[in-house]
Amino acid sequence: MKYLILINDAPYGTEKAYNALRLAMQIQKDFPENEVRIFLMADAATCALSNQNTPNGYYNIERMLKSVLLKGGQVKICGTCADSRGIKNLPLIEGAQISTMAELTAWTIESDKVITF
């Protein structure tokens, strides 16, 4: 199956990104034959910024996204959302890519399940 997980909230301040990535990682662990795609929109575009520094004991969205990528997942960032937040040209997590609504549309049509956080 193909899973598309849409994340809309900032990496910190709520636990939506954290919970979305927990689900993605669990799917990859329990069902490695499935495909996991993550699309970051709105304030979630900042989830893909590299060099995040969180205190010990707190979850780190950068590490979680890297884990998803290392297990063959894909991570795309809405280019319009990144541009409007002034982060389009900042360093991103290796493997994460700026994308478009056209690609999100294609991913949505191709997916068996779409989950929104």
N, C-alpha and C. Protein backbone atom coordinates (compact mmCIF):
# COMPACT_ATOMS: atom_id res chain seq x y z
N MET A 1 0.83 -1.19 0.00
CA MET A 1 0.00 0.00 0.00
C MET A 1 0.87 1.25 0.00
N LYS A 2 0.30 2.32 -0.49
CA LYS A 2 0.97 3.62 -0.48
C LYS A 2 0.25 4.53 0.49
N TYR A 3 1.02 5.06 1.46
CA TYR A 3 0.48 5.99 2.45
C TYR A 3 1.01 7.38 2.17
N LEU A 4 0.12 8.36 2.17
CA LEU A 4 0.50 9.76 2.08
C LEU A 4 0.10 10.42 3.39
N ILE A 5 1.08 10.99 4.07
CA ILE A 5 0.82 11.68 5.33
C ILE A 5 1.06 13.17 5.11
N LEU A 6 0.01 13.96 5.29
CA LEU A 6 0.09 15.41 5.15
C LEU A 6 0.24 16.02 6.54
N ILE A 7 1.24 16.87 6.69
CA ILE A 7 1.45 17.55 7.96
C ILE A 7 1.32 19.06 7.69
N ASN A 8 0.52 19.73 8.55
CA ASN A 8 0.25 21.15 8.37
C ASN A 8 0.79 22.04 9.48
N ASP A 9 1.11 21.48 10.63
CA ASP A 9 1.52 22.29 11.79
C ASP A 9 3.04 22.36 11.93
N ALA A 10 3.47 23.40 12.62
CA ALA A 10 4.90 23.61 12.89
C ALA A 10 5.48 22.41 13.64
N PRO A 11 6.80 22.22 13.55
CA PRO A 11 7.41 21.05 14.19
C PRO A 11 7.30 21.05 15.72
N TYR A 12 7.22 22.22 16.30
CA TYR A 12 7.17 22.31 17.76
C TYR A 12 6.03 23.25 18.15
N GLY A 13 5.48 23.05 19.33
CA GLY A 13 4.37 23.85 19.80
C GLY A 13 3.09 23.03 19.89
N THR A 14 2.91 22.13 18.94
CA THR A 14 1.87 21.10 19.03
C THR A 14 2.57 19.77 18.80
N GLU A 15 1.85 18.70 18.94
CA GLU A 15 2.46 17.39 18.72
C GLU A 15 1.99 16.73 17.44
N LYS A 16 1.40 17.51 16.54
CA LYS A 16 0.89 16.93 15.30
C LYS A 16 2.01 16.35 14.43
N ALA A 17 3.08 17.11 14.22
CA ALA A 17 4.19 16.60 13.41
C ALA A 17 4.81 15.39 14.07
N TYR A 18 4.99 15.47 15.38
CA TYR A 18 5.56 14.35 16.14
C TYR A 18 4.70 13.09 15.98
N ASN A 19 3.40 13.23 16.15
CA ASN A 19 2.52 12.06 16.04
C ASN A 19 2.44 11.54 14.62
N ALA A 20 2.46 12.42 13.64
CA ALA A 20 2.46 11.99 12.25
C ALA A 20 3.70 11.16 11.94
N LEU A 21 4.84 11.62 12.43
CA LEU A 21 6.09 10.91 12.17
C LEU A 21 6.18 9.62 12.97
N ARG A 22 5.61 9.60 14.15
CA ARG A 22 5.54 8.33 14.90
C ARG A 22 4.76 7.30 14.10
N LEU A 23 3.64 7.72 13.51
CA LEU A 23 2.84 6.80 12.70
C LEU A 23 3.64 6.34 11.48
N ALA A 24 4.28 7.27 10.79
CA ALA A 24 5.08 6.91 9.60
C ALA A 24 6.16 5.89 9.95
N MET A 25 6.85 6.13 11.06
CA MET A 25 7.93 5.22 11.47
C MET A 25 7.37 3.85 11.87
N GLN A 26 6.21 3.81 12.48
CA GLN A 26 5.62 2.54 12.88
C GLN A 26 5.16 1.74 11.66
N ILE A 27 4.60 2.44 10.67
CA ILE A 27 4.23 1.76 9.41
C ILE A 27 5.47 1.15 8.79
N GLN A 28 6.55 1.92 8.72
CA GLN A 28 7.79 1.40 8.12
C GLN A 28 8.35 0.22 8.90
N LYS A 29 8.20 0.25 10.20
CA LYS A 29 8.72 -0.84 11.04
C LYS A 29 7.88 -2.11 10.89
N ASP A 30 6.56 -1.96 11.01
CA ASP A 30 5.68 -3.13 11.02
C ASP A 30 5.31 -3.63 9.63
N PHE A 31 5.33 -2.75 8.64
CA PHE A 31 4.93 -3.11 7.28
C PHE A 31 5.94 -2.55 6.27
N PRO A 32 7.16 -3.05 6.29
CA PRO A 32 8.23 -2.47 5.46
C PRO A 32 7.97 -2.55 3.95
N GLU A 33 7.03 -3.39 3.55
CA GLU A 33 6.71 -3.50 2.13
C GLU A 33 5.85 -2.33 1.64
N ASN A 34 5.32 -1.54 2.56
CA ASN A 34 4.48 -0.40 2.20
C ASN A 34 5.33 0.84 1.94
N GLU A 35 4.76 1.76 1.17
CA GLU A 35 5.45 2.99 0.82
C GLU A 35 4.89 4.14 1.67
N VAL A 36 5.80 4.93 2.25
CA VAL A 36 5.40 6.08 3.06
C VAL A 36 5.92 7.35 2.41
N ARG A 37 4.98 8.27 2.16
CA ARG A 37 5.31 9.58 1.61
C ARG A 37 4.79 10.64 2.58
N ILE A 38 5.60 11.66 2.82
CA ILE A 38 5.22 12.74 3.72
C ILE A 38 5.28 14.05 2.94
N PHE A 39 4.20 14.82 3.03
CA PHE A 39 4.16 16.13 2.39
C PHE A 39 3.95 17.17 3.46
N LEU A 40 4.88 18.14 3.54
CA LEU A 40 4.87 19.18 4.55
C LEU A 40 4.28 20.45 3.97
N MET A 41 3.20 20.94 4.60
CA MET A 41 2.52 22.14 4.12
C MET A 41 2.42 23.17 5.24
N ALA A 42 2.11 24.41 4.86
CA ALA A 42 1.92 25.50 5.81
C ALA A 42 3.14 25.59 6.74
N ASP A 43 2.91 25.73 8.05
CA ASP A 43 4.04 25.85 8.98
C ASP A 43 4.87 24.58 9.09
N ALA A 44 4.33 23.45 8.64
CA ALA A 44 5.10 22.20 8.67
C ALA A 44 6.29 22.24 7.72
N ALA A 45 6.32 23.20 6.80
CA ALA A 45 7.46 23.33 5.90
C ALA A 45 8.76 23.48 6.70
N THR A 46 8.66 24.07 7.89
CA THR A 46 9.86 24.26 8.72
C THR A 46 10.34 22.96 9.36
N CYS A 47 9.56 21.91 9.29
CA CYS A 47 9.99 20.61 9.83
C CYS A 47 11.23 20.09 9.13
N ALA A 48 11.42 20.46 7.87
CA ALA A 48 12.51 19.92 7.06
C ALA A 48 13.79 20.73 7.14
N LEU A 49 13.83 21.77 7.96
CA LEU A 49 15.06 22.54 8.10
C LEU A 49 16.12 21.71 8.83
N SER A 50 17.34 21.80 8.38
CA SER A 50 18.41 21.03 9.01
C SER A 50 18.98 21.78 10.21
N ASN A 51 19.73 21.05 11.01
CA ASN A 51 20.41 21.57 12.20
C ASN A 51 19.46 22.02 13.31
N GLN A 52 18.37 21.30 13.50
CA GLN A 52 17.46 21.61 14.59
C GLN A 52 18.14 21.26 15.91
N ASN A 53 17.95 22.10 16.88
CA ASN A 53 18.60 21.90 18.18
C ASN A 53 17.53 21.87 19.26
N THR A 54 17.25 20.69 19.78
CA THR A 54 16.26 20.55 20.84
C THR A 54 16.95 20.06 22.10
N PRO A 55 16.41 20.42 23.27
CA PRO A 55 17.02 19.97 24.53
C PRO A 55 16.98 18.44 24.64
N ASN A 56 17.96 17.88 25.35
CA ASN A 56 17.97 16.44 25.59
C ASN A 56 16.65 16.01 26.22
N GLY A 57 16.15 14.88 25.77
CA GLY A 57 14.91 14.36 26.31
C GLY A 57 13.68 14.79 25.53
N TYR A 58 13.81 15.74 24.61
CA TYR A 58 12.69 16.18 23.80
C TYR A 58 12.80 15.56 22.41
N TYR A 59 11.65 15.36 21.80
CA TYR A 59 11.67 14.80 20.45
C TYR A 59 12.29 15.80 19.48
N ASN A 60 12.91 15.28 18.44
CA ASN A 60 13.57 16.10 17.44
C ASN A 60 13.00 15.71 16.09
N ILE A 61 12.25 16.61 15.48
CA ILE A 61 11.58 16.32 14.21
C ILE A 61 12.59 16.02 13.11
N GLU A 62 13.72 16.70 13.11
CA GLU A 62 14.75 16.43 12.10
C GLU A 62 15.20 14.97 12.15
N ARG A 63 15.48 14.46 13.35
CA ARG A 63 15.92 13.06 13.49
C ARG A 63 14.82 12.11 13.03
N MET A 64 13.57 12.45 13.35
CA MET A 64 12.46 11.58 12.95
C MET A 64 12.30 11.56 11.43
N LEU A 65 12.39 12.71 10.79
CA LEU A 65 12.31 12.75 9.32
C LEU A 65 13.46 11.98 8.68
N LYS A 66 14.65 12.12 9.24
CA LYS A 66 15.81 11.37 8.72
C LYS A 66 15.57 9.87 8.81
N SER A 67 14.95 9.42 9.90
CA SER A 67 14.65 8.01 10.07
C SER A 67 13.69 7.53 8.98
N VAL A 68 12.67 8.31 8.68
CA VAL A 68 11.72 7.96 7.63
C VAL A 68 12.45 7.88 6.29
N LEU A 69 13.30 8.85 6.01
CA LEU A 69 14.05 8.86 4.75
C LEU A 69 15.00 7.67 4.64
N LEU A 70 15.68 7.33 5.74
CA LEU A 70 16.62 6.20 5.73
C LEU A 70 15.94 4.88 5.44
N LYS A 71 14.66 4.78 5.77
CA LYS A 71 13.92 3.54 5.53
C LYS A 71 13.15 3.58 4.20
N GLY A 72 13.54 4.51 3.31
CA GLY A 72 12.96 4.54 1.98
C GLY A 72 11.75 5.44 1.81
N GLY A 73 11.38 6.16 2.86
CA GLY A 73 10.27 7.10 2.73
C GLY A 73 10.68 8.31 1.91
N GLN A 74 9.69 9.06 1.50
CA GLN A 74 9.93 10.28 0.75
C GLN A 74 9.36 11.46 1.52
N VAL A 75 10.06 12.59 1.46
CA VAL A 75 9.60 13.80 2.15
C VAL A 75 9.67 14.95 1.15
N LYS A 76 8.53 15.60 0.96
CA LYS A 76 8.45 16.76 0.06
C LYS A 76 7.88 17.94 0.85
N ILE A 77 8.29 19.13 0.45
CA ILE A 77 7.87 20.36 1.10
C ILE A 77 7.16 21.23 0.08
N CYS A 78 6.02 21.77 0.44
CA CYS A 78 5.29 22.69 -0.43
C CYS A 78 6.18 23.90 -0.72
N GLY A 79 6.50 24.12 -1.98
CA GLY A 79 7.37 25.22 -2.36
C GLY A 79 6.76 26.58 -2.05
N THR A 80 5.47 26.74 -2.28
CA THR A 80 4.80 28.00 -1.98
C THR A 80 4.83 28.29 -0.49
N CYS A 81 4.60 27.26 0.32
CA CYS A 81 4.62 27.42 1.78
C CYS A 81 6.02 27.78 2.26
N ALA A 82 7.04 27.12 1.71
CA ALA A 82 8.42 27.41 2.09
C ALA A 82 8.80 28.83 1.67
N ASP A 83 8.41 29.21 0.48
CA ASP A 83 8.73 30.54 -0.03
C ASP A 83 8.07 31.63 0.81
N SER A 84 6.81 31.44 1.17
CA SER A 84 6.11 32.47 1.94
C SER A 84 6.67 32.61 3.36
N ARG A 85 7.37 31.58 3.84
CA ARG A 85 7.98 31.63 5.17
C ARG A 85 9.46 32.02 5.11
N GLY A 86 9.96 32.30 3.91
CA GLY A 86 11.34 32.74 3.77
C GLY A 86 12.37 31.66 3.98
N ILE A 87 11.98 30.40 3.79
CA ILE A 87 12.91 29.30 4.06
C ILE A 87 13.25 28.48 2.81
N LYS A 88 12.77 28.90 1.66
CA LYS A 88 12.95 28.10 0.44
C LYS A 88 14.41 27.85 0.10
N ASN A 89 15.28 28.78 0.45
CA ASN A 89 16.70 28.64 0.12
C ASN A 89 17.56 28.25 1.30
N LEU A 90 16.95 27.93 2.43
CA LEU A 90 17.73 27.49 3.60
C LEU A 90 18.07 26.01 3.47
N PRO A 91 19.12 25.55 4.16
CA PRO A 91 19.50 24.14 4.07
C PRO A 91 18.39 23.24 4.62
N LEU A 92 18.09 22.21 3.84
CA LEU A 92 17.08 21.22 4.23
C LEU A 92 17.75 19.92 4.64
N ILE A 93 16.99 19.10 5.32
CA ILE A 93 17.44 17.75 5.66
C ILE A 93 17.76 17.03 4.36
N GLU A 94 18.90 16.34 4.34
CA GLU A 94 19.28 15.61 3.13
C GLU A 94 18.19 14.61 2.74
N GLY A 95 17.75 14.70 1.51
CA GLY A 95 16.71 13.80 1.01
C GLY A 95 15.35 14.46 0.92
N ALA A 96 15.12 15.51 1.69
CA ALA A 96 13.86 16.25 1.61
C ALA A 96 13.95 17.20 0.42
N GLN A 97 12.84 17.39 -0.28
CA GLN A 97 12.86 18.20 -1.50
C GLN A 97 11.69 19.17 -1.54
N ILE A 98 11.95 20.34 -2.09
CA ILE A 98 10.89 21.31 -2.37
C ILE A 98 10.03 20.73 -3.49
N SER A 99 8.72 20.91 -3.38
CA SER A 99 7.81 20.30 -4.33
C SER A 99 6.71 21.29 -4.75
N THR A 100 5.70 20.76 -5.38
CA THR A 100 4.62 21.57 -5.94
C THR A 100 3.25 20.97 -5.63
N MET A 101 2.22 21.76 -5.84
CA MET A 101 0.86 21.25 -5.68
C MET A 101 0.56 20.17 -6.73
N ALA A 102 1.17 20.28 -7.89
CA ALA A 102 0.97 19.26 -8.92
C ALA A 102 1.49 17.91 -8.43
N GLU A 103 2.64 17.90 -7.77
CA GLU A 103 3.18 16.64 -7.25
C GLU A 103 2.32 16.12 -6.09
N LEU A 104 1.86 17.02 -5.23
CA LEU A 104 0.95 16.60 -4.16
C LEU A 104 -0.31 15.98 -4.75
N THR A 105 -0.83 16.57 -5.80
CA THR A 105 -2.02 16.03 -6.46
C THR A 105 -1.75 14.63 -6.98
N ALA A 106 -0.63 14.43 -7.63
CA ALA A 106 -0.27 13.11 -8.15
C ALA A 106 -0.12 12.11 -7.02
N TRP A 107 0.57 12.49 -5.95
CA TRP A 107 0.75 11.60 -4.80
C TRP A 107 -0.61 11.23 -4.21
N THR A 108 -1.51 12.19 -4.13
CA THR A 108 -2.84 11.93 -3.55
C THR A 108 -3.59 10.90 -4.39
N ILE A 109 -3.58 11.09 -5.70
CA ILE A 109 -4.29 10.17 -6.60
C ILE A 109 -3.68 8.77 -6.54
N GLU A 110 -2.36 8.68 -6.42
CA GLU A 110 -1.67 7.39 -6.40
C GLU A 110 -1.78 6.65 -5.06
N SER A 111 -2.13 7.36 -4.00
CA SER A 111 -2.11 6.77 -2.65
C SER A 111 -3.33 5.93 -2.37
N ASP A 112 -3.11 4.87 -1.57
CA ASP A 112 -4.21 4.05 -1.08
C ASP A 112 -4.86 4.68 0.15
N LYS A 113 -4.05 5.35 0.95
CA LYS A 113 -4.55 6.02 2.15
C LYS A 113 -3.87 7.38 2.27
N VAL A 114 -4.68 8.39 2.62
CA VAL A 114 -4.17 9.73 2.87
C VAL A 114 -4.56 10.10 4.30
N ILE A 115 -3.56 10.47 5.09
CA ILE A 115 -3.77 10.78 6.49
C ILE A 115 -3.28 12.21 6.71
N THR A 116 -4.10 13.01 7.38
CA THR A 116 -3.77 14.43 7.58
C THR A 116 -3.58 14.74 9.05
N PHE A 117 -2.53 15.46 9.35
CA PHE A 117 -2.25 15.94 10.71
C PHE A 117 -2.16 17.45 10.67
